[in-house]
Amino acid sequence: MLTSPVLMPHSSLEQHDSTKSLQSLKVGREMESLFVSVLLKEMRQAGGEGGLFPGDNSDTLGGMFDMFLGQHIAESGGIGLAASLENVLK
């Protein structure tokens, strides 16, 4: 939807800004979730041979744990990355 803000009615402009803000927030949280998940994964792997899940050679549980914990952290306020990205995308 590429329209000039000058030609848009005031209510449409507010709706467009609101939609853009929600999209920016969603993108920021998804990016933060991914970043935190990768960060947790790297931290877990750097922890030595035993790691958080000793004996799990497939790394499936660790990967799922990292993904869900990353999502939870991002949705709970995160580490500030989502807010920074939202400000950049505005």
Foldseek 3Di string as FASTA:
>chain_A
DDDDPVPDDPVVNVVVVVVLLVVLLVVLLVVQLVVQLVVQVVVQVVPDQQGPPRPPPVCVVVSVVSNVVSNVLSVVVHDCRSVVSSVVSD
